[in-house]
Amino acid sequence: MEHLEEGGVRYAGLDVGFETIGKALAEQGPFDGVLGFSQGAALSFYTAAKQQNGELVPPDGGKLKFAIIIAGFTPRDLNHRYLFNSQLETPTCHIWGDHDVLKFKSEEATKNCVEPLVLNHKAGHKVPKLSQTQVGLLSDFIHKAMQ
């Protein structure tokens, strides 16, 4: 990651990552959704935002129906800031820990989404074990997105 004087960053190798994702979507899809943790959540966020912008859409036209963002954040790469000029319409579920020192970034990310589902857990920066109630909410979220 390169920190720029303009106040943003540039992620080294991001374009190669997007090429790999595009290839996987085209050759191994269709995929109903995407799930990512931390930096992987940011990449999942990017993927859904790029599809909303008409990018990374496989030849069959199959777009993601949902994204699960665990301890994620809105990516800050200056070359891709345009992706977050409008709210993400792909249904999103955001999960973060009450003791995650970066939870403010996860909270901010929800502002870029239309009606996100938010689930919290009592731990820190980790993939949590969800309560039965949370599992039900997540299951309902996925089922609704699949309709």
Protein backbone atom coordinates (compact mmCIF):
# COMPACT_ATOMS: atom_id res chain seq x y z
CA MET A 1 0.00 0.00 0.00
CA GLU A 2 1.38 3.36 -1.02
CA HIS A 3 0.32 6.41 1.01
CA LEU A 4 -0.17 9.42 -1.24
CA GLU A 5 0.20 13.11 -0.47
CA GLU A 6 -3.37 13.71 -1.71
CA GLY A 7 -4.61 11.95 1.42
CA GLY A 8 -5.41 8.56 -0.05
CA VAL A 9 -3.66 5.32 -0.80
CA ARG A 10 -2.89 3.15 -3.78
CA TYR A 11 -3.05 -0.61 -3.27
CA ALA A 12 -0.13 -2.35 -4.99
CA GLY A 13 -1.25 -5.26 -7.17
CA LEU A 14 -4.95 -4.45 -6.93
CA ASP A 15 -5.45 -4.62 -10.70
CA VAL A 16 -3.94 -8.11 -10.77
CA GLY A 17 -6.35 -9.08 -8.00
CA PHE A 18 -9.29 -7.73 -10.00
CA GLU A 19 -8.14 -9.71 -13.06
CA THR A 20 -8.03 -12.88 -10.96
CA ILE A 21 -11.49 -12.22 -9.55
CA GLY A 22 -12.88 -11.48 -13.02
CA LYS A 23 -11.42 -14.73 -14.33
CA ALA A 24 -12.87 -16.73 -11.42
CA LEU A 25 -16.31 -15.14 -11.87
CA ALA A 26 -16.25 -15.97 -15.59
CA GLU A 27 -14.80 -19.47 -15.40
CA GLN A 28 -16.07 -20.83 -12.09
CA GLY A 29 -19.34 -18.95 -11.59
CA PRO A 30 -22.04 -18.12 -11.29
CA PHE A 31 -21.69 -17.20 -7.63
CA ASP A 32 -24.64 -16.17 -5.49
CA GLY A 33 -22.63 -14.16 -2.99
CA VAL A 34 -19.27 -13.26 -1.61
CA LEU A 35 -17.89 -13.34 1.94
CA GLY A 36 -14.70 -11.72 3.14
CA PHE A 37 -12.87 -10.98 6.38
CA SER A 38 -10.84 -7.81 7.01
CA GLN A 39 -8.84 -7.03 3.84
CA GLY A 40 -10.74 -9.83 2.09
CA ALA A 41 -13.94 -8.07 3.12
CA ALA A 42 -12.68 -4.88 1.48
CA LEU A 43 -12.00 -6.85 -1.71
CA SER A 44 -15.49 -8.38 -1.49
CA PHE A 45 -16.87 -4.86 -1.08
CA TYR A 46 -14.90 -3.74 -4.14
CA THR A 47 -16.21 -6.68 -6.19
CA ALA A 48 -19.85 -5.88 -5.47
CA ALA A 49 -19.26 -2.16 -6.13
CA LYS A 50 -17.47 -2.88 -9.40
CA GLN A 51 -20.35 -5.07 -10.55
CA GLN A 52 -22.82 -2.30 -9.73
CA ASN A 53 -20.67 -0.07 -11.93
CA GLY A 54 -20.81 -2.58 -14.82
CA GLU A 55 -17.34 -4.01 -14.19
CA LEU A 56 -16.34 -7.57 -13.26
CA VAL A 57 -19.62 -8.84 -14.67
CA PRO A 58 -19.11 -12.34 -16.13
CA PRO A 59 -20.21 -13.07 -19.72
CA ASP A 60 -23.37 -14.81 -18.45
CA GLY A 61 -24.37 -11.54 -16.75
CA GLY A 62 -24.58 -13.18 -13.33
CA LYS A 63 -24.04 -10.56 -10.68
CA LEU A 64 -23.59 -11.19 -6.98
CA LYS A 65 -26.84 -11.26 -5.06
CA PHE A 66 -25.29 -10.45 -1.67
CA ALA A 67 -22.05 -9.69 0.18
CA ILE A 68 -21.10 -10.60 3.73
CA ILE A 69 -18.51 -8.18 5.07
CA ILE A 70 -16.79 -9.32 8.29
CA ALA A 71 -14.61 -6.71 10.03
CA GLY A 72 -14.44 -4.90 6.72
CA PHE A 73 -13.98 -1.35 5.60
CA THR A 74 -14.52 0.86 2.59
CA PRO A 75 -11.38 0.59 0.46
CA ARG A 76 -9.45 3.84 0.07
CA ASP A 77 -7.58 3.41 -3.21
CA LEU A 78 -7.75 6.75 -5.04
CA ASN A 79 -8.07 5.10 -8.46
CA HIS A 80 -11.28 3.37 -7.37
CA ARG A 81 -12.91 5.97 -5.13
CA TYR A 82 -15.57 6.53 -7.80
CA LEU A 83 -17.05 3.13 -6.94
CA PHE A 84 -18.37 4.55 -3.69
CA ASN A 85 -19.85 7.80 -5.01
CA SER A 86 -23.26 6.19 -4.65
CA GLN A 87 -24.58 3.62 -2.19
CA LEU A 88 -24.10 -0.05 -2.92
CA GLU A 89 -27.43 -1.62 -3.82
CA THR A 90 -26.24 -5.21 -3.52
CA PRO A 91 -27.60 -6.47 -0.18
CA THR A 92 -24.86 -6.48 2.44
CA CYS A 93 -24.46 -7.96 5.90
CA HIS A 94 -21.75 -6.35 8.03
CA ILE A 95 -20.36 -8.19 11.05
CA TRP A 96 -17.85 -6.77 13.52
CA GLY A 97 -16.71 -7.18 17.10
CA ASP A 98 -17.50 -4.71 19.85
CA HIS A 99 -13.83 -4.89 20.89
CA ASP A 100 -12.34 -4.57 17.41
CA VAL A 101 -10.09 -1.51 17.47
CA LEU A 102 -11.02 -0.96 13.82
CA LYS A 103 -14.78 -1.26 14.29
CA PHE A 104 -15.25 2.43 13.41
CA LYS A 105 -14.14 1.56 9.87
CA SER A 106 -16.75 -1.20 9.70
CA GLU A 107 -19.40 1.18 11.00
CA GLU A 108 -18.43 3.75 8.36
CA ALA A 109 -18.65 1.13 5.60
CA THR A 110 -22.35 0.59 6.30
CA LYS A 111 -22.99 4.20 5.23
CA ASN A 112 -22.03 3.14 1.68
CA CYS A 113 -24.81 0.53 1.57
CA VAL A 114 -28.57 0.56 1.10
CA GLU A 115 -30.23 -0.97 4.19
CA PRO A 116 -27.34 -3.14 5.43
CA LEU A 117 -27.89 -5.86 7.98
CA VAL A 118 -25.52 -5.30 10.93
CA LEU A 119 -24.53 -8.04 13.35
CA ASN A 120 -22.19 -7.48 16.30
CA HIS A 121 -20.31 -9.91 18.51
CA LYS A 122 -18.52 -9.48 21.83
CA ALA A 123 -14.99 -10.26 20.60
CA GLY A 124 -12.40 -8.31 18.63
CA HIS A 125 -11.06 -8.50 15.08
CA LYS A 126 -12.06 -12.06 14.20
CA VAL A 127 -14.60 -14.22 12.41
CA PRO A 128 -17.15 -14.82 15.15
CA LYS A 129 -19.27 -17.69 16.27
CA LEU A 130 -22.76 -16.27 15.80
CA SER A 131 -25.62 -16.71 18.25
CA GLN A 132 -28.65 -18.74 17.17
CA THR A 133 -30.57 -15.48 16.73
CA GLN A 134 -27.82 -14.06 14.53
CA VAL A 135 -27.66 -17.27 12.47
CA GLY A 136 -31.39 -16.89 11.87
CA LEU A 137 -31.00 -13.26 10.82
CA LEU A 138 -28.14 -14.14 8.48
CA SER A 139 -30.11 -17.05 7.02
CA ASP A 140 -33.12 -14.80 6.43
CA PHE A 141 -30.82 -12.21 4.81
CA ILE A 142 -29.39 -14.77 2.38
CA HIS A 143 -32.80 -16.25 1.54
CA LYS A 144 -34.25 -12.79 0.87
CA ALA A 145 -31.29 -11.85 -1.34
CA MET A 146 -31.73 -15.06 -3.34
CA GLN A 147 -35.34 -14.30 -4.29
